[in-house]
Amino acid sequence: MTASAPVCLICGAALKVALTRSQKGKVAVGLSCPVDGRHFRGFVNDRDYVTRTIQATQTLQNATKTANAPEGDQ
C-alpha cells in the first residue's frame, strides 16, 4: 500500500496539513482545503499520532538540513 496526499472532497486540491492548537491548548494535526477552508476542515487530536507526526517532521527537517549543508559543516 502506498501513501498518498489527502485531497479535498469538493474540489480535489491537496489538503494543507499543519499543527494547530485547540482553544484548550491541546496540539492537533489540522487538515484544511487551501482553496476554500469551508470545503473541508478536520483535526486529528490523538496524542500518540500527533507525537509521532511531530517526531517524523523533525527527523525529515534534520535530514534535509544535513543533505543541504556544505561538506565542511557536516
Protein backbone atom coordinates (compact mmCIF):
# COMPACT_ATOMS: atom_id res chain seq x y z
CA MET A 1 0.00 0.00 0.00
CA THR A 2 1.34 3.43 -0.88
CA ALA A 3 0.60 6.63 0.99
CA SER A 4 -0.96 9.46 -0.92
CA ALA A 5 -1.77 13.05 -0.02
CA PRO A 6 -5.34 13.53 1.21
CA VAL A 7 -7.48 15.59 -1.17
CA CYS A 8 -10.49 17.85 -0.72
CA LEU A 9 -13.71 16.00 -1.44
CA ILE A 10 -15.23 19.11 -3.07
CA CYS A 11 -12.51 20.49 -5.37
CA GLY A 12 -9.81 17.77 -5.39
CA ALA A 13 -6.98 20.05 -4.16
CA ALA A 14 -4.33 18.51 -1.88
CA LEU A 15 -5.24 19.32 1.72
CA LYS A 16 -2.99 21.61 3.75
CA VAL A 17 -1.58 19.87 6.82
CA ALA A 18 -0.44 21.93 9.81
CA LEU A 19 -0.02 21.66 13.56
CA THR A 20 -2.78 23.54 15.36
CA ARG A 21 -3.87 24.24 18.93
CA SER A 22 -7.35 23.87 20.30
CA GLN A 23 -8.97 26.51 22.48
CA LYS A 24 -7.95 24.36 25.45
CA GLY A 25 -4.31 24.45 24.28
CA LYS A 26 -4.08 20.84 23.08
CA VAL A 27 -1.94 20.24 19.99
CA ALA A 28 -3.60 18.63 16.97
CA VAL A 29 -2.85 17.89 13.33
CA GLY A 30 -5.14 20.09 11.24
CA LEU A 31 -6.25 19.38 7.68
CA SER A 32 -7.92 22.03 5.54
CA CYS A 33 -8.68 22.84 1.92
CA PRO A 34 -6.25 25.51 0.64
CA VAL A 35 -8.78 26.70 -1.96
CA ASP A 36 -11.64 27.32 0.46
CA GLY A 37 -11.48 26.36 4.14
CA ARG A 38 -15.24 25.76 4.12
CA HIS A 39 -14.81 22.79 1.75
CA PHE A 40 -13.03 20.67 4.30
CA ARG A 41 -11.58 21.22 7.76
CA GLY A 42 -10.65 18.42 10.11
CA PHE A 43 -8.48 17.76 13.13
CA VAL A 44 -6.67 14.71 14.49
CA ASN A 45 -6.02 15.04 18.20
CA ASP A 46 -4.94 11.52 19.15
CA ARG A 47 -1.93 12.21 21.40
CA ASP A 48 0.20 9.28 20.13
CA TYR A 49 -0.45 10.13 16.46
CA VAL A 50 0.35 13.83 16.98
CA THR A 51 3.57 12.95 18.82
CA ARG A 52 4.67 10.57 16.05
CA THR A 53 3.83 13.19 13.40
CA ILE A 54 5.92 15.85 15.17
CA GLN A 55 8.86 13.44 15.55
CA ALA A 56 8.66 12.40 11.88
CA THR A 57 8.59 16.05 10.80
CA GLN A 58 11.63 16.88 12.93
CA THR A 59 13.51 13.86 11.55
CA LEU A 60 12.70 14.92 7.99
CA GLN A 61 13.79 18.51 8.67
CA ASN A 62 17.08 17.32 10.20
CA ALA A 63 17.76 15.03 7.24
CA THR A 64 17.05 17.89 4.83
CA LYS A 65 19.40 20.24 6.71
CA THR A 66 22.14 17.60 6.71
CA ALA A 67 21.73 16.89 3.00
CA ASN A 68 21.82 20.61 2.12
CA ALA A 69 24.75 21.50 4.41
CA PRO A 70 28.11 22.33 2.80
CA GLU A 71 30.62 19.47 3.09
CA GLY A 72 32.74 21.25 5.73
CA ASP A 73 29.72 21.70 8.08
CA GLN A 74 28.74 18.03 8.43
